[in-house]
Amino acid sequence: MQRRDIDIYRLQPTLQDLKDHLRITDDSHDRMLMIYLSSAVLQAEHVISRNLAPSICQIETDYTSLVTLPYMDESSSLTDLEVLVDGERRTWTLTGSDVHIDGPEGQKMSISYHLDVAYVEADIQQAILLMAAQHFSNPLDRAQTLPTASENLLAPYRQWKTR
């Protein structure tokens, strides 16, 4: 099992940035705005194949001595990495996004870590604000025929990955 929880209070752009963008001065829409902002960040991540949100990640799996951490990329910094094998803390070595587990084999393992993003470029933040504003102003699904401004802002950052 892999799990990623986004730290919504440390997103770039912030909730206040979105409220300023929408010219909202009260707090009555904050809950929905955070959902729209989180969704827009994840949408932008998908388009450009890059981590944009500070996150807490957890992996629960059968034991293996080498694990590749999901959600890691060159724009992320990793902190608070903890590896438990059968409930006991283990030492590890990190090479890129690969974690090499030290010590004897075990049955089950749990890995938790924090990912941080130091900087999100202004045009990416603008694209996120435009996408979140679209969710707010039109909460219904829509058909799209032409590229949107947010897609055009994200286009230079898009990384095509092959699987």
Protein backbone atom coordinates (compact mmCIF):
# COMPACT_ATOMS: atom_id res chain seq x y z
CA MET A 1 0.00 0.00 0.00
CA GLN A 2 1.23 3.48 -0.87
CA ARG A 3 -0.25 6.62 0.60
CA ARG A 4 0.47 10.30 0.02
CA ASP A 5 -1.14 13.01 2.14
CA ILE A 6 -0.69 16.53 0.82
CA ASP A 7 0.13 19.20 3.38
CA ILE A 8 -2.60 21.59 2.23
CA TYR A 9 -1.43 24.35 4.56
CA ARG A 10 1.95 24.63 2.83
CA LEU A 11 0.85 24.61 -0.80
CA GLN A 12 2.21 27.11 -3.30
CA PRO A 13 0.07 29.04 -4.13
CA THR A 14 -1.66 29.39 -0.77
CA LEU A 15 -5.34 29.54 0.11
CA GLN A 16 -4.94 33.29 0.62
CA ASP A 17 -3.43 33.61 -2.87
CA LEU A 18 -6.49 31.86 -4.30
CA LYS A 19 -8.87 34.04 -2.28
CA ASP A 20 -7.05 37.16 -3.51
CA HIS A 21 -7.21 35.85 -7.08
CA LEU A 22 -10.98 35.34 -6.75
CA ARG A 23 -11.46 38.57 -4.75
CA ILE A 24 -13.03 36.66 -1.85
CA THR A 25 -12.72 38.43 1.49
CA ASP A 26 -14.62 36.12 3.88
CA ASP A 27 -13.98 32.58 5.08
CA SER A 28 -17.30 31.02 4.08
CA HIS A 29 -15.82 29.18 1.05
CA ASP A 30 -12.47 28.14 2.57
CA ARG A 31 -13.25 24.41 2.80
CA MET A 32 -14.23 24.12 -0.86
CA LEU A 33 -11.43 26.44 -1.99
CA MET A 34 -8.88 24.13 -0.32
CA ILE A 35 -10.36 21.17 -2.19
CA TYR A 36 -10.20 23.10 -5.48
CA LEU A 37 -6.64 24.26 -4.76
CA SER A 38 -5.46 20.73 -3.87
CA SER A 39 -7.13 19.35 -6.98
CA ALA A 40 -5.51 22.00 -9.18
CA VAL A 41 -2.06 21.24 -7.72
CA LEU A 42 -2.49 17.52 -8.41
CA GLN A 43 -3.76 18.32 -11.90
CA ALA A 44 -0.68 20.45 -12.57
CA GLU A 45 1.59 17.70 -11.20
CA HIS A 46 0.01 15.25 -13.61
CA VAL A 47 0.55 17.56 -16.58
CA ILE A 48 4.20 18.37 -15.89
CA SER A 49 5.22 15.10 -14.14
CA ARG A 50 6.74 16.94 -11.22
CA ASN A 51 6.04 17.05 -7.49
CA LEU A 52 4.54 20.43 -6.52
CA ALA A 53 3.03 19.72 -3.10
CA PRO A 54 4.66 19.16 0.29
CA SER A 55 3.57 15.67 1.33
CA ILE A 56 3.73 12.98 3.96
CA CYS A 57 4.20 9.58 2.30
CA GLN A 58 3.90 6.06 3.61
CA ILE A 59 4.61 2.64 2.13
CA GLU A 60 3.47 -0.64 3.70
CA THR A 61 4.79 -3.74 1.93
CA ASP A 62 6.43 -7.12 2.26
CA TYR A 63 10.12 -6.94 3.11
CA THR A 64 12.62 -6.14 0.38
CA SER A 65 16.14 -4.77 0.81
CA LEU A 66 15.70 -2.14 -1.92
CA VAL A 67 12.71 0.21 -2.26
CA THR A 68 12.24 3.00 -4.80
CA LEU A 69 10.36 5.85 -3.17
CA PRO A 70 7.34 7.00 -5.15
CA TYR A 71 6.62 10.71 -5.59
CA MET A 72 10.35 11.60 -5.48
CA ASP A 73 11.76 13.78 -8.22
CA GLU A 74 14.53 16.32 -8.69
CA SER A 75 12.36 19.17 -7.36
CA SER A 76 11.64 17.40 -4.04
CA SER A 77 13.70 17.20 -0.90
CA LEU A 78 13.23 14.31 1.49
CA THR A 79 13.16 14.58 5.28
CA ASP A 80 12.20 12.41 8.26
CA LEU A 81 12.72 9.07 6.49
CA GLU A 82 11.93 6.19 8.84
CA VAL A 83 12.13 2.48 7.99
CA LEU A 84 10.50 -0.16 10.20
CA VAL A 85 10.94 -3.88 9.55
CA ASP A 86 8.61 -6.06 11.62
CA GLY A 87 8.04 -3.03 13.86
CA GLU A 88 11.76 -2.39 14.54
CA ARG A 89 13.58 0.72 13.29
CA ARG A 90 16.27 0.00 10.68
CA THR A 91 19.17 1.97 9.30
CA TRP A 92 19.17 2.72 5.60
CA THR A 93 21.16 4.31 2.79
CA LEU A 94 19.55 6.64 0.27
CA THR A 95 20.76 6.80 -3.33
CA GLY A 96 18.57 9.11 -5.42
CA SER A 97 15.08 7.77 -4.74
CA ASP A 98 16.29 4.26 -3.82
CA VAL A 99 16.37 3.21 -0.16
CA HIS A 100 18.74 0.35 0.69
CA ILE A 101 17.63 -1.33 3.93
CA ASP A 102 20.39 -2.53 6.30
CA GLY A 103 20.18 -5.60 8.52
CA PRO A 104 18.55 -9.02 8.37
CA GLU A 105 15.45 -9.83 6.35
CA GLY A 106 11.99 -9.56 7.85
CA GLN A 107 8.35 -10.14 6.98
CA LYS A 108 6.67 -6.72 6.74
CA MET A 109 8.06 -3.24 6.41
CA SER A 110 6.79 0.29 6.72
CA ILE A 111 8.52 3.36 5.28
CA SER A 112 7.41 6.90 6.04
CA TYR A 113 8.91 10.17 4.85
CA HIS A 114 8.18 13.82 4.19
CA LEU A 115 8.64 15.44 0.81
CA ASP A 116 9.17 19.16 0.60
CA VAL A 117 9.09 21.48 -2.38
CA ALA A 118 11.20 24.60 -1.97
CA TYR A 119 9.98 26.64 -4.91
CA VAL A 120 7.15 26.61 -7.44
CA GLU A 121 7.68 28.94 -10.40
CA ALA A 122 5.32 31.91 -10.77
CA ASP A 123 3.78 30.73 -14.05
CA ILE A 124 3.06 27.30 -12.56
CA GLN A 125 1.42 29.00 -9.56
CA GLN A 126 -0.64 31.13 -11.96
CA ALA A 127 -1.77 28.01 -13.85
CA ILE A 128 -2.81 26.41 -10.53
CA LEU A 129 -4.77 29.53 -9.57
CA LEU A 130 -6.54 29.54 -12.95
CA MET A 131 -7.48 25.85 -12.63
CA ALA A 132 -8.72 26.28 -9.04
CA ALA A 133 -10.70 29.39 -10.06
CA GLN A 134 -12.30 27.40 -12.89
CA HIS A 135 -13.40 24.74 -10.38
CA PHE A 136 -14.87 27.47 -8.17
CA SER A 137 -16.66 29.44 -10.88
CA ASN A 138 -17.93 26.36 -12.71
CA PRO A 139 -18.19 23.36 -10.38
CA LEU A 140 -19.85 21.31 -13.13
CA ASP A 141 -17.95 19.18 -15.60
CA ARG A 142 -17.43 20.74 -19.01
CA ALA A 143 -16.32 19.78 -22.51
CA GLN A 144 -13.05 21.31 -23.60
CA THR A 145 -12.10 21.99 -27.19
CA LEU A 146 -9.24 24.52 -27.05
CA PRO A 147 -6.19 24.64 -24.77
CA THR A 148 -6.76 26.74 -21.67
CA ALA A 149 -4.46 29.45 -20.33
CA SER A 150 -3.39 27.13 -17.51
CA GLU A 151 -2.37 24.42 -20.00
CA ASN A 152 -0.34 26.95 -21.96
CA LEU A 153 1.42 28.10 -18.76
CA LEU A 154 2.31 24.50 -17.84
CA ALA A 155 3.38 23.42 -21.34
CA PRO A 156 7.08 24.47 -21.04
CA TYR A 157 7.43 22.34 -17.88
CA ARG A 158 5.84 19.19 -19.29
CA GLN A 159 8.08 16.14 -19.15
CA TRP A 160 7.06 13.24 -21.32
CA LYS A 161 7.70 9.96 -19.55
CA THR A 162 7.70 6.57 -21.19
CA ARG A 163 6.71 3.46 -19.32
